[in-house]
């Protein structure tokens, strides 16, 4: 579980945790990130909040999606295509 800060939305805080895990190598490039359901279970957040986290990581270029498979860490040198 996470100790929630009151000055930032939960989706931002969860995204920050995932980005820290990417930075420290917990999730190396091309590794699948937790699914929406897994984020709900791990962080105790609503499904729509978990979806917003994954959407934001894709929009920022930190992650990419494979339809029907999941969301993955984008390698630093990979072009953003989605």
Protein backbone atom coordinates (compact mmCIF):
# COMPACT_ATOMS: atom_id res chain seq x y z
CA UNK A 1 0.00 0.00 0.00
CA UNK A 2 0.97 3.59 -0.47
CA UNK A 3 0.97 6.42 2.02
CA UNK A 4 -1.24 8.90 0.19
CA UNK A 5 -0.23 12.55 -0.03
CA UNK A 6 -3.13 14.97 0.18
CA UNK A 7 -1.62 17.48 -2.24
CA UNK A 8 -1.65 15.25 -5.35
CA UNK A 9 -4.31 13.10 -7.03
CA UNK A 10 -4.02 9.36 -6.44
CA UNK A 11 -3.44 8.64 -10.14
CA UNK A 12 -0.42 10.98 -10.11
CA UNK A 13 0.98 9.28 -7.02
CA UNK A 14 0.57 5.78 -8.49
CA UNK A 15 2.11 6.92 -11.78
CA UNK A 16 5.05 8.31 -9.78
CA UNK A 17 5.51 4.94 -8.06
CA UNK A 18 5.52 3.12 -11.40
CA UNK A 19 7.96 5.63 -12.91
CA UNK A 20 10.26 5.18 -9.90
CA UNK A 21 10.11 1.41 -10.40
CA UNK A 22 10.98 1.88 -14.07
CA UNK A 23 13.90 4.16 -13.14
CA UNK A 24 15.29 1.73 -10.56
CA UNK A 25 15.07 -1.25 -12.91
CA UNK A 26 12.17 -3.04 -11.26
CA UNK A 27 10.43 -2.78 -14.63
CA UNK A 28 13.13 -2.83 -17.33
CA UNK A 29 12.42 -1.79 -20.95
CA UNK A 30 9.83 -3.93 -22.76
CA UNK A 31 8.65 -5.45 -19.46
CA UNK A 32 4.91 -5.66 -18.95
CA UNK A 33 3.55 -3.24 -16.36
CA UNK A 34 0.86 -4.29 -13.90
CA UNK A 35 -2.60 -4.55 -15.41
CA UNK A 36 -5.46 -2.28 -14.43
CA UNK A 37 -6.77 -5.03 -12.17
CA UNK A 38 -3.36 -5.52 -10.54
CA UNK A 39 -3.07 -1.78 -9.84
CA UNK A 40 -6.53 -1.80 -8.25
CA UNK A 41 -5.48 -4.69 -6.01
CA UNK A 42 -2.04 -3.34 -5.09
CA UNK A 43 -2.93 0.29 -4.44
CA UNK A 44 -6.59 0.02 -3.44
CA UNK A 45 -7.67 2.47 -6.14
CA UNK A 46 -10.74 2.56 -8.36
CA UNK A 47 -10.56 0.89 -11.79
CA UNK A 48 -10.97 4.23 -13.59
CA UNK A 49 -8.05 5.64 -11.57
CA UNK A 50 -5.89 2.67 -12.57
CA UNK A 51 -6.85 3.19 -16.22
CA UNK A 52 -5.91 6.86 -15.96
CA UNK A 53 -2.46 5.88 -14.63
CA UNK A 54 -1.78 3.58 -17.59
CA UNK A 55 -3.18 6.10 -20.09
CA UNK A 56 -0.96 8.86 -18.70
CA UNK A 57 2.16 6.69 -18.86
CA UNK A 58 1.40 5.99 -22.52
CA UNK A 59 0.71 9.66 -23.25
CA UNK A 60 4.01 10.67 -21.62
CA UNK A 61 5.90 8.15 -23.73
CA UNK A 62 6.94 6.08 -20.72
CA UNK A 63 4.91 3.06 -21.83
CA UNK A 64 3.27 1.53 -24.88
CA UNK A 65 0.36 -0.84 -25.35
CA UNK A 66 -0.01 -4.09 -27.23
CA UNK A 67 -3.68 -4.63 -28.00
CA UNK A 68 -5.06 -7.60 -26.11
CA UNK A 69 -1.79 -8.14 -24.23
CA UNK A 70 -1.05 -5.18 -21.94
CA UNK A 71 1.06 -2.12 -21.27
CA UNK A 72 4.85 -2.27 -21.44
CA UNK A 73 7.81 -0.07 -20.53
CA UNK A 74 9.03 1.84 -23.58
CA UNK A 75 12.80 1.63 -24.10
CA UNK A 76 14.44 5.04 -23.73
CA UNK A 77 15.68 5.04 -27.33
CA UNK A 78 12.43 3.78 -28.89
CA UNK A 79 10.31 6.18 -30.94
CA UNK A 80 6.82 6.87 -29.65
CA UNK A 81 4.34 5.38 -32.12
CA UNK A 82 1.04 5.07 -30.22
